Each structure stands twice: as C-alpha cells, then as structure tokens.
C-alpha cells in the first residue's frame, strides 16, 4: 500500500508498505526520487540491472524514466521522497 504523507509545490513524500514476498510492480518516475527503507528488508531492482538489498536506514536514488520495482523480503516500511 502507498499513502501520501506530505505534498508541497516542490515535492512530496509517500509512505509505502510492502509485505513479505509481495512486489510493487514495474513502473517509472518522471523525476528523480529517493527511496528509504525505514523498517524491514526489501529488494530494489531496475531495468539497467541494478539490484540493491535495502535494510533499515538504507536508501537508493531512483533515476527518472528507468523502469524499476521493489519486492519485500519481510514486511517492510519504506519512504519515497520526490
């Protein structure tokens, strides 16, 4: 699930919950984004072959116009900042 928790004229933040073995399906962003793992363990992958395992406190920069997806290893809470 995804819930917008902050919006402004210059950006926004979204809380994302991914359950164990669930997948946030492939999508793209039009602007650069920052994905932060708040709690849990998840895998970020993109069409360029980047695969990063995220643990509590880890983050990854997401490139615009690059297809990517996220899969929960365990129940995870993430924060997406654009």
C-alpha atoms as a PDB file:
ATOM      1  CA  UNK A   1       0.000   0.000   0.000  1.00  0.00           C
ATOM      2  CA  UNK A   2       1.072   3.597  -0.548  1.00  0.00           C
ATOM      3  CA  UNK A   3      -0.145   6.682   1.325  1.00  0.00           C
ATOM      4  CA  UNK A   4       0.841  10.258   0.558  1.00  0.00           C
ATOM      5  CA  UNK A   5       2.047  11.808   3.823  1.00  0.00           C
ATOM      6  CA  UNK A   6       3.316  15.185   2.588  1.00  0.00           C
ATOM      7  CA  UNK A   7       2.791  17.312  -0.511  1.00  0.00           C
ATOM      8  CA  UNK A   8       4.166  20.700  -1.464  1.00  0.00           C
ATOM      9  CA  UNK A   9       4.713  22.714  -4.604  1.00  0.00           C
ATOM     10  CA  UNK A  10       8.265  21.390  -4.880  1.00  0.00           C
ATOM     11  CA  UNK A  11       7.912  17.728  -3.872  1.00  0.00           C
ATOM     12  CA  UNK A  12       6.152  15.058  -1.875  1.00  0.00           C
ATOM     13  CA  UNK A  13       6.684  12.091   0.402  1.00  0.00           C
ATOM     14  CA  UNK A  14       4.861   8.764   0.280  1.00  0.00           C
ATOM     15  CA  UNK A  15       4.800   6.012   2.921  1.00  0.00           C
ATOM     16  CA  UNK A  16       4.928   2.573   1.292  1.00  0.00           C
ATOM     17  CA  UNK A  17       4.242  -0.758   2.968  1.00  0.00           C
ATOM     18  CA  UNK A  18       5.324  -3.918   1.152  1.00  0.00           C
ATOM     19  CA  UNK A  19       4.551  -7.261   2.745  1.00  0.00           C
ATOM     20  CA  UNK A  20       6.909 -10.242   2.661  1.00  0.00           C
ATOM     21  CA  UNK A  21       7.054 -11.833  -0.800  1.00  0.00           C
ATOM     22  CA  UNK A  22       4.882  -9.078  -2.296  1.00  0.00           C
ATOM     23  CA  UNK A  23       6.014  -6.897  -5.187  1.00  0.00           C
ATOM     24  CA  UNK A  24       5.485  -3.265  -6.086  1.00  0.00           C
ATOM     25  CA  UNK A  25       5.096  -3.827  -9.815  1.00  0.00           C
ATOM     26  CA  UNK A  26       7.239  -2.256 -12.512  1.00  0.00           C
ATOM     27  CA  UNK A  27       6.818   1.474 -13.022  1.00  0.00           C
ATOM     28  CA  UNK A  28       8.785   4.643 -13.854  1.00  0.00           C
ATOM     29  CA  UNK A  29       9.096   8.055 -12.244  1.00  0.00           C
ATOM     30  CA  UNK A  30       9.297  11.289 -14.219  1.00  0.00           C
ATOM     31  CA  UNK A  31      11.541  12.960 -11.619  1.00  0.00           C
ATOM     32  CA  UNK A  32      14.496  11.759  -9.521  1.00  0.00           C
ATOM     33  CA  UNK A  33      13.405  10.084  -6.288  1.00  0.00           C
ATOM     34  CA  UNK A  34      14.871   8.812  -3.033  1.00  0.00           C
ATOM     35  CA  UNK A  35      13.657   5.506  -1.576  1.00  0.00           C
ATOM     36  CA  UNK A  36      14.465   4.967   2.114  1.00  0.00           C
ATOM     37  CA  UNK A  37      13.960   1.702   3.995  1.00  0.00           C
ATOM     38  CA  UNK A  38      12.519   2.672   7.377  1.00  0.00           C
ATOM     39  CA  UNK A  39      11.888  -0.843   8.668  1.00  0.00           C
ATOM     40  CA  UNK A  40      12.235  -4.329   7.240  1.00  0.00           C
ATOM     41  CA  UNK A  41      14.116  -5.682   4.270  1.00  0.00           C
ATOM     42  CA  UNK A  42      13.336  -5.209   0.578  1.00  0.00           C
ATOM     43  CA  UNK A  43      14.968  -5.594  -2.823  1.00  0.00           C
ATOM     44  CA  UNK A  44      15.066  -2.712  -5.324  1.00  0.00           C
ATOM     45  CA  UNK A  45      15.730  -3.604  -8.966  1.00  0.00           C
ATOM     46  CA  UNK A  46      15.681  -1.698 -12.233  1.00  0.00           C
ATOM     47  CA  UNK A  47      15.857  -2.392 -15.948  1.00  0.00           C
ATOM     48  CA  UNK A  48      19.545  -1.386 -16.012  1.00  0.00           C
ATOM     49  CA  UNK A  49      20.397  -4.448 -13.930  1.00  0.00           C
ATOM     50  CA  UNK A  50      20.827  -2.643 -10.614  1.00  0.00           C
ATOM     51  CA  UNK A  51      19.786  -4.813  -7.683  1.00  0.00           C
ATOM     52  CA  UNK A  52      20.113  -3.456  -4.145  1.00  0.00           C
ATOM     53  CA  UNK A  53      19.005  -5.139  -0.945  1.00  0.00           C
ATOM     54  CA  UNK A  54      17.728  -2.496   1.455  1.00  0.00           C
ATOM     55  CA  UNK A  55      17.856  -2.854   5.235  1.00  0.00           C
ATOM     56  CA  UNK A  56      16.748  -0.426   7.980  1.00  0.00           C
ATOM     57  CA  UNK A  57      18.206   3.006   7.185  1.00  0.00           C
ATOM     58  CA  UNK A  58      19.428   2.129   3.681  1.00  0.00           C
ATOM     59  CA  UNK A  59      18.410   4.261   0.737  1.00  0.00           C
ATOM     60  CA  UNK A  60      18.725   4.338  -3.031  1.00  0.00           C
ATOM     61  CA  UNK A  61      18.415   7.106  -5.607  1.00  0.00           C
ATOM     62  CA  UNK A  62      15.901   6.293  -8.334  1.00  0.00           C
ATOM     63  CA  UNK A  63      16.622   7.617 -11.818  1.00  0.00           C
ATOM     64  CA  UNK A  64      13.815   9.190 -13.809  1.00  0.00           C
ATOM     65  CA  UNK A  65      12.417   7.304 -16.817  1.00  0.00           C
ATOM     66  CA  UNK A  66      14.036   3.992 -15.744  1.00  0.00           C
ATOM     67  CA  UNK A  67      11.653   1.082 -15.111  1.00  0.00           C
ATOM     68  CA  UNK A  68      12.034  -0.256 -11.558  1.00  0.00           C
ATOM     69  CA  UNK A  69      10.265  -2.423  -8.977  1.00  0.00           C
ATOM     70  CA  UNK A  70      10.552  -3.365  -5.301  1.00  0.00           C
ATOM     71  CA  UNK A  71       9.945  -6.702  -3.579  1.00  0.00           C
ATOM     72  CA  UNK A  72       9.513  -7.273   0.146  1.00  0.00           C
ATOM     73  CA  UNK A  73      11.744  -9.904   1.726  1.00  0.00           C
ATOM     74  CA  UNK A  74       9.960  -9.360   5.047  1.00  0.00           C
ATOM     75  CA  UNK A  75       7.143  -6.932   5.878  1.00  0.00           C
ATOM     76  CA  UNK A  76       8.722  -3.540   5.154  1.00  0.00           C
ATOM     77  CA  UNK A  77       8.029   0.164   5.598  1.00  0.00           C
ATOM     78  CA  UNK A  78       9.596   2.480   3.008  1.00  0.00           C
ATOM     79  CA  UNK A  79       9.572   6.226   2.441  1.00  0.00           C
ATOM     80  CA  UNK A  80       9.611   7.638  -1.102  1.00  0.00           C
ATOM     81  CA  UNK A  81      10.669  11.266  -1.489  1.00  0.00           C
ATOM     82  CA  UNK A  82      10.270  13.085  -4.821  1.00  0.00           C
END
